[in-house]
PDB file of N, CA and C in Angstrom:
ATOM      1  N   MET A   1      -6.654 -27.767  36.690  1.00  0.00           N
ATOM      2  CA  MET A   1      -7.396 -26.967  35.662  1.00  0.00           C
ATOM      3  C   MET A   1      -6.973 -25.252  34.835  1.00  0.00           C
ATOM      4  N   ARG A   2      -6.877 -24.599  35.947  1.00  0.00           N
ATOM      5  CA  ARG A   2      -6.266 -23.451  35.460  1.00  0.00           C
ATOM      6  C   ARG A   2      -4.696 -23.442  34.426  1.00  0.00           C
ATOM      7  N   GLU A   3      -4.215 -24.234  35.109  1.00  0.00           N
ATOM      8  CA  GLU A   3      -2.539 -24.786  34.129  1.00  0.00           C
ATOM      9  C   GLU A   3      -3.064 -25.086  32.862  1.00  0.00           C
ATOM     10  N   LEU A   4      -3.915 -25.991  32.271  1.00  0.00           N
ATOM     11  CA  LEU A   4      -4.612 -26.618  30.855  1.00  0.00           C
ATOM     12  C   LEU A   4      -5.249 -24.924  30.471  1.00  0.00           C
ATOM     13  N   ARG A   5      -5.934 -24.443  30.913  1.00  0.00           N
ATOM     14  CA  ARG A   5      -6.418 -23.037  30.521  1.00  0.00           C
ATOM     15  C   ARG A   5      -5.422 -22.068  30.000  1.00  0.00           C
ATOM     16  N   ARG A   6      -4.142 -21.940  31.000  1.00  0.00           N
ATOM     17  CA  ARG A   6      -3.104 -20.766  30.291  1.00  0.00           C
ATOM     18  C   ARG A   6      -2.418 -21.446  29.158  1.00  0.00           C
ATOM     19  N   LEU A   7      -2.144 -23.271  29.352  1.00  0.00           N
ATOM     20  CA  LEU A   7      -1.894 -23.684  28.469  1.00  0.00           C
ATOM     21  C   LEU A   7      -2.515 -23.277  27.135  1.00  0.00           C
ATOM     22  N   THR A   8      -3.656 -23.495  27.105  1.00  0.00           N
ATOM     23  CA  THR A   8      -4.581 -23.441  25.625  1.00  0.00           C
ATOM     24  C   THR A   8      -4.555 -22.411  24.886  1.00  0.00           C
ATOM     25  N   ARG A   9      -4.912 -21.008  26.202  1.00  0.00           N
ATOM     26  CA  ARG A   9      -4.428 -19.915  25.557  1.00  0.00           C
ATOM     27  C   ARG A   9      -3.015 -19.533  24.831  1.00  0.00           C
ATOM     28  N   GLU A  10      -2.071 -20.115  25.848  1.00  0.00           N
ATOM     29  CA  GLU A  10      -0.536 -19.806  24.971  1.00  0.00           C
ATOM     30  C   GLU A  10      -0.524 -20.328  23.602  1.00  0.00           C
ATOM     31  N   PHE A  11      -1.290 -21.559  23.434  1.00  0.00           N
ATOM     32  CA  PHE A  11      -0.857 -22.167  22.397  1.00  0.00           C
ATOM     33  C   PHE A  11      -2.052 -21.087  21.149  1.00  0.00           C
ATOM     34  N   LEU A  12      -3.106 -20.957  21.515  1.00  0.00           N
ATOM     35  CA  LEU A  12      -3.923 -20.011  20.498  1.00  0.00           C
ATOM     36  C   LEU A  12      -3.258 -18.840  20.066  1.00  0.00           C
ATOM     37  N   GLN A  13      -2.428 -18.294  21.138  1.00  0.00           N
ATOM     38  CA  GLN A  13      -1.752 -17.209  20.666  1.00  0.00           C
ATOM     39  C   GLN A  13      -0.632 -17.236  19.973  1.00  0.00           C
ATOM     40  N   GLU A  14      -0.138 -18.440  20.165  1.00  0.00           N
ATOM     41  CA  GLU A  14       1.143 -18.666  19.251  1.00  0.00           C
ATOM     42  C   GLU A  14       0.532 -19.168  17.863  1.00  0.00           C
ATOM     43  N   GLU A  15      -0.544 -19.857  17.891  1.00  0.00           N
ATOM     44  CA  GLU A  15      -0.803 -20.309  16.273  1.00  0.00           C
ATOM     45  C   GLU A  15      -1.469 -18.826  15.509  1.00  0.00           C
ATOM     46  N   ASP A  16      -1.566 -17.847  16.236  1.00  0.00           N
ATOM     47  CA  ASP A  16      -2.372 -16.480  15.936  1.00  0.00           C
ATOM     48  C   ASP A  16      -0.823 -15.657  14.838  1.00  0.00           C
ATOM     49  N   ALA A  17       0.533 -15.903  15.534  1.00  0.00           N
ATOM     50  CA  ALA A  17       1.249 -15.478  15.250  1.00  0.00           C
ATOM     51  C   ALA A  17       1.992 -16.259  13.748  1.00  0.00           C
ATOM     52  N   VAL A  18       1.829 -17.373  13.593  1.00  0.00           N
ATOM     53  CA  VAL A  18       1.939 -18.101  12.537  1.00  0.00           C
ATOM     54  C   VAL A  18       1.026 -17.753  11.386  1.00  0.00           C
ATOM     55  N   GLY A  19      -0.446 -17.429  11.805  1.00  0.00           N
ATOM     56  CA  GLY A  19      -0.610 -16.863  10.306  1.00  0.00           C
ATOM     57  C   GLY A  19      -0.725 -15.898   9.863  1.00  0.00           C
ATOM     58  N   VAL A  20      -0.092 -14.483  10.756  1.00  0.00           N
ATOM     59  CA  VAL A  20       0.266 -13.369  10.695  1.00  0.00           C
ATOM     60  C   VAL A  20       1.888 -13.583   9.495  1.00  0.00           C
ATOM     61  N   VAL A  21       2.291 -14.593  10.021  1.00  0.00           N
ATOM     62  CA  VAL A  21       4.335 -14.765   9.125  1.00  0.00           C
ATOM     63  C   VAL A  21       3.485 -15.249   7.845  1.00  0.00           C
ATOM     64  N   GLU A  22       2.395 -16.427   7.780  1.00  0.00           N
ATOM     65  CA  GLU A  22       2.199 -16.898   6.525  1.00  0.00           C
ATOM     66  C   GLU A  22       1.710 -16.262   5.167  1.00  0.00           C
ATOM     67  N   ILE A  23       1.207 -14.718   6.040  1.00  0.00           N
ATOM     68  CA  ILE A  23       0.535 -14.143   5.276  1.00  0.00           C
ATOM     69  C   ILE A  23       1.285 -13.452   4.993  1.00  0.00           C
ATOM     70  N   ILE A  24       2.309 -13.090   5.532  1.00  0.00           N
ATOM     71  CA  ILE A  24       3.536 -11.509   5.111  1.00  0.00           C
ATOM     72  C   ILE A  24       4.299 -12.545   4.082  1.00  0.00           C
ATOM     73  N   LEU A  25       4.761 -13.982   4.318  1.00  0.00           N
ATOM     74  CA  LEU A  25       5.282 -14.661   3.126  1.00  0.00           C
ATOM     75  C   LEU A  25       4.324 -14.792   2.162  1.00  0.00           C
ATOM     76  N   ILE A  26       3.236 -14.842   1.878  1.00  0.00           N
ATOM     77  CA  ILE A  26       2.363 -15.010   0.685  1.00  0.00           C
ATOM     78  C   ILE A  26       2.391 -13.302   0.271  1.00  0.00           C
ATOM     79  N   LEU A  27       2.130 -12.515   0.926  1.00  0.00           N
ATOM     80  CA  LEU A  27       2.488 -11.277   0.213  1.00  0.00           C
ATOM     81  C   LEU A  27       3.795 -10.556  -0.406  1.00  0.00           C
ATOM     82  N   VAL A  28       4.854 -11.556   0.146  1.00  0.00           N
ATOM     83  CA  VAL A  28       6.057 -11.243  -0.310  1.00  0.00           C
ATOM     84  C   VAL A  28       6.196 -11.768  -1.975  1.00  0.00           C
ATOM     85  N   VAL A  29       6.213 -12.807  -1.673  1.00  0.00           N
ATOM     86  CA  VAL A  29       5.655 -13.724  -2.932  1.00  0.00           C
ATOM     87  C   VAL A  29       4.964 -12.866  -4.381  1.00  0.00           C
ATOM     88  N   LEU A  30       3.974 -12.636  -3.664  1.00  0.00           N
ATOM     89  CA  LEU A  30       2.982 -12.256  -4.615  1.00  0.00           C
ATOM     90  C   LEU A  30       3.667 -10.530  -5.256  1.00  0.00           C
ATOM     91  N   ILE A  31       4.139  -9.945  -4.351  1.00  0.00           N
ATOM     92  CA  ILE A  31       4.647  -8.846  -4.824  1.00  0.00           C
ATOM     93  C   ILE A  31       6.045  -8.777  -5.702  1.00  0.00           C
ATOM     94  N   GLY A  32       6.590 -10.073  -5.158  1.00  0.00           N
ATOM     95  CA  GLY A  32       7.878 -10.444  -6.159  1.00  0.00           C
ATOM     96  C   GLY A  32       7.401 -11.041  -7.651  1.00  0.00           C
ATOM     97  N   LEU A  33       6.469 -11.707  -7.629  1.00  0.00           N
ATOM     98  CA  LEU A  33       5.873 -12.176  -8.924  1.00  0.00           C
ATOM     99  C   LEU A  33       5.209 -10.819  -9.851  1.00  0.00           C
ATOM    100  N   VAL A  34       4.568  -9.902  -9.425  1.00  0.00           N
ATOM    101  CA  VAL A  34       4.163  -8.832 -10.186  1.00  0.00           C
ATOM    102  C   VAL A  34       5.393  -7.719 -10.460  1.00  0.00           C
ATOM    103  N   MET A  35       6.099  -7.776  -9.723  1.00  0.00           N
ATOM    104  CA  MET A  35       7.978  -6.995  -9.776  1.00  0.00           C
ATOM    105  C   MET A  35       8.630  -7.860 -11.290  1.00  0.00           C
ATOM    106  N   ILE A  36       8.556  -9.271 -10.812  1.00  0.00           N
ATOM    107  CA  ILE A  36       8.995  -9.761 -12.142  1.00  0.00           C
ATOM    108  C   ILE A  36       8.252  -9.756 -13.888  1.00  0.00           C
ATOM    109  N   PHE A  37       7.344  -9.792 -13.158  1.00  0.00           N
ATOM    110  CA  PHE A  37       6.277  -9.693 -14.649  1.00  0.00           C
ATOM    111  C   PHE A  37       5.252  -8.498 -14.871  1.00  0.00           C
ATOM    112  N   LYS A  38       5.849  -7.181 -14.434  1.00  0.00           N
ATOM    113  CA  LYS A  38       5.550  -6.328 -14.677  1.00  0.00           C
ATOM    114  C   LYS A  38       5.333  -5.475 -15.691  1.00  0.00           C
ATOM    115  N   ASP A  39       6.034  -5.873 -16.858  1.00  0.00           N
ATOM    116  CA  ASP A  39       5.302  -5.363 -18.254  1.00  0.00           C
ATOM    117  C   ASP A  39       4.627  -6.240 -19.114  1.00  0.00           C
ATOM    118  N   GLN A  40       4.640  -7.597 -18.407  1.00  0.00           N
ATOM    119  CA  GLN A  40       3.943  -8.389 -19.125  1.00  0.00           C
ATOM    120  C   GLN A  40       2.447  -8.470 -18.534  1.00  0.00           C
ATOM    121  N   LEU A  41       2.348  -8.179 -17.481  1.00  0.00           N
ATOM    122  CA  LEU A  41       0.926  -7.444 -17.147  1.00  0.00           C
ATOM    123  C   LEU A  41       0.192  -6.199 -17.251  1.00  0.00           C
ATOM    124  N   THR A  42       1.431  -5.193 -17.615  1.00  0.00           N
ATOM    125  CA  THR A  42       0.739  -3.904 -18.045  1.00  0.00           C
ATOM    126  C   THR A  42       0.058  -3.982 -19.177  1.00  0.00           C
ATOM    127  N   SER A  43       1.087  -4.801 -20.277  1.00  0.00           N
ATOM    128  CA  SER A  43       0.481  -5.054 -21.475  1.00  0.00           C
ATOM    129  C   SER A  43      -0.865  -5.544 -21.809  1.00  0.00           C
ATOM    130  N   LEU A  44      -0.395  -6.782 -21.085  1.00  0.00           N
ATOM    131  CA  LEU A  44      -2.004  -7.532 -20.786  1.00  0.00           C
ATOM    132  C   LEU A  44      -3.415  -6.593 -20.214  1.00  0.00           C
ATOM    133  N   VAL A  45      -3.179  -6.205 -19.395  1.00  0.00           N
ATOM    134  CA  VAL A  45      -4.007  -5.044 -18.951  1.00  0.00           C
ATOM    135  C   VAL A  45      -4.728  -4.140 -20.119  1.00  0.00           C
ATOM    136  N   LYS A  46      -3.464  -3.582 -20.710  1.00  0.00           N
ATOM    137  CA  LYS A  46      -3.856  -2.359 -21.690  1.00  0.00           C
ATOM    138  C   LYS A  46      -4.789  -2.843 -23.145  1.00  0.00           C
ATOM    139  N   ASN A  47      -4.538  -4.288 -23.057  1.00  0.00           N
ATOM    140  CA  ASN A  47      -5.195  -5.136 -24.541  1.00  0.00           C
ATOM    141  C   ASN A  47      -6.076  -5.376 -23.974  1.00  0.00           C
ATOM    142  N   ILE A  48      -6.712  -6.108 -23.037  1.00  0.00           N
ATOM    143  CA  ILE A  48      -7.966  -6.059 -22.618  1.00  0.00           C
ATOM    144  C   ILE A  48      -8.823  -4.905 -22.427  1.00  0.00           C
ATOM    145  N   LEU A  49      -8.147  -3.986 -21.677  1.00  0.00           N
ATOM    146  CA  LEU A  49      -8.717  -2.358 -22.012  1.00  0.00           C
ATOM    147  C   LEU A  49      -9.407  -2.014 -22.413  1.00  0.00           C
ATOM    148  N   SER A  50      -8.405  -2.017 -24.075  1.00  0.00           N
ATOM    149  CA  SER A  50      -8.504  -1.664 -25.574  1.00  0.00           C
ATOM    150  C   SER A  50      -9.818  -2.307 -26.390  1.00  0.00           C
ATOM    151  N   LYS A  51      -9.707  -3.696 -25.114  1.00  0.00           N
ATOM    152  CA  LYS A  51     -10.989  -4.915 -26.678  1.00  0.00           C
ATOM    153  C   LYS A  51     -12.149  -4.369 -25.737  1.00  0.00           C
ATOM    154  N   ILE A  52     -12.039  -4.241 -24.248  1.00  0.00           N
ATOM    155  CA  ILE A  52     -13.327  -3.622 -24.109  1.00  0.00           C
ATOM    156  C   ILE A  52     -14.296  -2.178 -24.133  1.00  0.00           C
ATOM    157  N   THR A  53     -13.421  -1.872 -24.896  1.00  0.00           N
ATOM    158  CA  THR A  53     -13.724   0.010 -25.307  1.00  0.00           C
ATOM    159  C   THR A  53     -14.039  -0.122 -26.926  1.00  0.00           C
ATOM    160  N   LYS A  54     -13.428  -1.441 -27.356  1.00  0.00           N
ATOM    161  CA  LYS A  54     -13.443  -1.229 -28.916  1.00  0.00           C
ATOM    162  C   LYS A  54     -15.102  -1.805 -28.688  1.00  0.00           C
ATOM    163  N   GLN A  55     -14.995  -3.118 -28.204  1.00  0.00           N
ATOM    164  CA  GLN A  55     -16.418  -3.757 -28.048  1.00  0.00           C
ATOM    165  C   GLN A  55     -17.622  -3.234 -27.800  1.00  0.00           C
ATOM    166  N   SER A  56     -17.196  -1.984 -26.512  1.00  0.00           N
ATOM    167  CA  SER A  56     -18.590  -0.990 -25.885  1.00  0.00           C
ATOM    168  C   SER A  56     -19.178  -0.281 -26.747  1.00  0.00           C
ATOM    169  N   ASN A  57     -18.018   0.324 -27.919  1.00  0.00           N
ATOM    170  CA  ASN A  57     -18.282   1.315 -28.885  1.00  0.00           C
ATOM    171  C   ASN A  57     -19.463   0.811 -30.037  1.00  0.00           C
ATOM    172  N   SER A  58     -19.360  -0.766 -29.923  1.00  0.00           N
ATOM    173  CA  SER A  58     -20.232  -1.348 -31.200  1.00  0.00           C
ATOM    174  C   SER A  58     -21.331  -1.491 -30.999  1.00  0.00           C
ATOM    175  N   ILE A  59     -21.681  -1.457 -29.237  1.00  0.00           N
ATOM    176  CA  ILE A  59     -23.132  -1.796 -29.027  1.00  0.00           C
ATOM    177  C   ILE A  59     -23.870  -0.586 -28.979  1.00  0.00           C
TER     178      ILE A  59
END
């Protein structure tokens, strides 16, 4: 019975490490995409903010 508990505990700890690696990989991919499309994202945000500013002035 103790052996089963030990194996279960080790398995759960091992799965936590896999989750951390997955999160790190997702963050790396997102950062890469932001770096690739930095100029397009910047211009998109500027356009959106300028439209919001213009429309808020008309209210």
